[in-house]
Amino acid sequence: MVITLVPKNLTKEGSVFQYFSPAQECNVCNLKNVCHNLTPGSHYSVTKFREKEHKCFIHEGDKVYTVEVEEVERSVMIPRKIAKEGAKVTYRKPDCDDYECKFSEICILSFTKDRSKVKINSIADQTCPRGYDLIEAKIE
């Protein structure tokens, strides 16, 4: 469980969002360490709304709210030869340019950092439609 601050539209328990990075304006804020204590590219689910609000000059309504979140699994496409449940592997972003592909969001547009260490939680049965030897994996 991690405590962070989110805008009003993400305060409902069960809301899922992807954290990207701090805005430049956040560098001068006293709350930046609470707002930006998440991993860029990771997805989080709100597990508890704490109702405490704080001033914020970049979000709608000029406020953010305290919530508890948990990181949730995300999917990526990985080479079939390293796709083993429970394995810790080095993720390599696939060399592809098909942005129209139904898997582009978890493949070439994935926010998982190239050459980062990931743990494979499970393997899905979805494979690359372009013929690359890739399979969908749920990672943390």
Protein backbone atom coordinates (compact mmCIF):
# COMPACT_ATOMS: atom_id res chain seq x y z
CA MET A 1 0.00 0.00 0.00
CA VAL A 2 1.24 3.45 -0.97
CA ILE A 3 -0.27 6.80 0.00
CA THR A 4 -0.35 9.38 -2.79
CA LEU A 5 -2.35 12.36 -4.01
CA VAL A 6 -4.68 12.29 -7.02
CA PRO A 7 -7.21 14.60 -8.71
CA LYS A 8 -10.92 14.26 -7.83
CA ASN A 9 -11.75 12.09 -10.88
CA LEU A 10 -9.46 9.31 -9.56
CA THR A 11 -10.62 9.19 -5.93
CA LYS A 12 -13.20 6.42 -6.30
CA GLU A 13 -12.07 3.09 -4.85
CA GLY A 14 -11.26 0.75 -7.73
CA SER A 15 -10.18 3.56 -10.08
CA VAL A 16 -7.15 2.51 -12.12
CA PHE A 17 -4.65 4.96 -13.55
CA GLN A 18 -1.20 5.02 -15.05
CA TYR A 19 1.40 7.27 -13.45
CA PHE A 20 3.67 9.10 -15.90
CA SER A 21 5.92 11.77 -14.36
CA PRO A 22 5.75 15.08 -12.50
CA ALA A 23 4.92 18.28 -14.36
CA GLN A 24 7.66 20.89 -14.29
CA GLU A 25 5.45 23.10 -12.11
CA CYS A 26 5.54 20.42 -9.39
CA ASN A 27 9.21 21.09 -8.63
CA VAL A 28 8.31 24.02 -6.33
CA CYS A 29 5.49 22.25 -4.45
CA ASN A 30 5.91 21.08 -0.85
CA LEU A 31 3.81 17.98 -1.59
CA LYS A 32 5.80 16.76 -4.61
CA ASN A 33 7.27 13.80 -2.71
CA VAL A 34 3.78 12.49 -1.88
CA CYS A 35 2.32 13.10 -5.36
CA HIS A 36 5.30 11.64 -7.18
CA ASN A 37 6.20 8.60 -5.10
CA LEU A 38 4.99 6.22 -7.83
CA THR A 39 6.89 4.39 -10.58
CA PRO A 40 6.62 6.02 -14.03
CA GLY A 41 4.72 3.82 -16.46
CA SER A 42 3.16 1.69 -13.72
CA HIS A 43 -0.56 1.23 -13.23
CA TYR A 44 -2.22 1.73 -9.85
CA SER A 45 -5.60 0.96 -8.34
CA VAL A 46 -7.14 3.16 -5.65
CA THR A 47 -7.84 0.97 -2.62
CA LYS A 48 -8.96 3.63 -0.14
CA PHE A 49 -10.11 7.25 -0.32
CA ARG A 50 -9.02 9.25 2.74
CA GLU A 51 -11.01 12.45 2.03
CA LYS A 52 -8.08 14.76 2.96
CA GLU A 53 -7.68 17.45 0.31
CA HIS A 54 -4.69 19.64 -0.53
CA LYS A 55 -4.21 22.69 -2.72
CA CYS A 56 -2.78 22.00 -6.17
CA PHE A 57 -2.23 24.52 -8.93
CA ILE A 58 -2.13 22.09 -11.86
CA HIS A 59 -5.19 19.86 -11.39
CA GLU A 60 -8.79 20.79 -12.14
CA GLY A 61 -10.45 22.41 -9.15
CA ASP A 62 -7.03 23.36 -7.73
CA LYS A 63 -7.13 20.36 -5.37
CA VAL A 64 -5.76 16.85 -4.97
CA TYR A 65 -6.95 14.19 -2.54
CA THR A 66 -5.22 11.61 -0.36
CA VAL A 67 -5.69 7.98 -1.41
CA GLU A 68 -4.12 4.61 -0.82
CA VAL A 69 -3.06 2.75 -3.97
CA GLU A 70 -1.60 -0.60 -5.00
CA GLU A 71 0.35 -1.31 -8.13
CA VAL A 72 -1.54 -3.54 -10.57
CA GLU A 73 -0.22 -5.93 -13.16
CA ARG A 74 0.48 -4.66 -16.63
CA SER A 75 0.85 -6.50 -19.90
CA VAL A 76 3.77 -6.45 -22.31
CA MET A 77 4.78 -8.49 -25.33
CA ILE A 78 7.94 -10.53 -24.74
CA PRO A 79 9.88 -13.17 -26.67
CA ARG A 80 8.30 -16.60 -26.27
CA LYS A 81 11.69 -18.15 -25.42
CA ILE A 82 11.94 -16.19 -22.12
CA ALA A 83 8.21 -16.36 -21.25
CA LYS A 84 8.19 -18.44 -18.08
CA GLU A 85 5.89 -17.75 -15.13
CA GLY A 86 7.82 -16.54 -12.10
CA ALA A 87 10.94 -15.68 -14.11
CA LYS A 88 12.76 -12.39 -13.61
CA VAL A 89 13.90 -11.19 -17.02
CA THR A 90 15.29 -8.12 -18.75
CA TYR A 91 12.53 -6.55 -20.79
CA ARG A 92 13.50 -5.52 -24.32
CA LYS A 93 11.14 -3.26 -26.25
CA PRO A 94 10.17 -5.03 -29.51
CA ASP A 95 11.56 -3.61 -32.76
CA CYS A 96 8.29 -2.91 -34.55
CA ASP A 97 6.57 0.12 -36.05
CA ASP A 98 2.99 -1.12 -36.51
CA TYR A 99 1.04 1.46 -34.49
CA GLU A 100 -2.22 0.11 -35.93
CA CYS A 101 -1.65 -3.30 -34.32
CA LYS A 102 -4.16 -4.29 -31.63
CA PHE A 103 -1.22 -4.91 -29.26
CA SER A 104 0.65 -1.64 -29.92
CA GLU A 105 -0.25 -0.24 -26.47
CA ILE A 106 1.40 -3.15 -24.65
CA CYS A 107 4.14 -3.63 -27.21
CA ILE A 108 5.77 -0.64 -28.90
CA LEU A 109 3.87 1.98 -26.86
CA SER A 110 4.43 0.27 -23.51
CA PHE A 111 5.76 2.53 -20.79
CA THR A 112 7.86 -0.32 -19.46
CA LYS A 113 11.43 0.90 -19.66
CA ASP A 114 13.67 -0.87 -22.18
CA ARG A 115 16.20 -3.15 -20.46
CA SER A 116 14.40 -2.97 -17.12
CA LYS A 117 14.13 -6.01 -14.86
CA VAL A 118 10.58 -7.37 -14.63
CA LYS A 119 8.96 -10.37 -12.99
CA ILE A 120 6.61 -12.44 -15.15
CA ASN A 121 3.43 -13.23 -13.21
CA SER A 122 1.60 -15.10 -15.95
CA ILE A 123 1.58 -15.82 -19.65
CA ALA A 124 -1.48 -15.09 -21.79
CA ASP A 125 -2.31 -16.92 -25.01
CA GLN A 126 -2.16 -13.78 -27.18
CA THR A 127 0.65 -13.84 -29.74
CA CYS A 128 2.01 -11.26 -32.16
CA PRO A 129 -0.20 -10.99 -35.26
CA ARG A 130 2.76 -9.81 -37.37
CA GLY A 131 4.59 -13.09 -36.93
CA TYR A 132 7.24 -12.00 -34.43
CA ASP A 133 7.86 -14.68 -31.83
CA LEU A 134 6.21 -12.60 -29.06
CA ILE A 135 3.59 -13.52 -26.49
CA GLU A 136 1.64 -11.43 -24.01
CA ALA A 137 2.86 -11.56 -20.41
CA LYS A 138 1.50 -10.02 -17.22
CA ILE A 139 4.35 -8.45 -15.28
CA GLU A 140 4.98 -6.47 -12.13
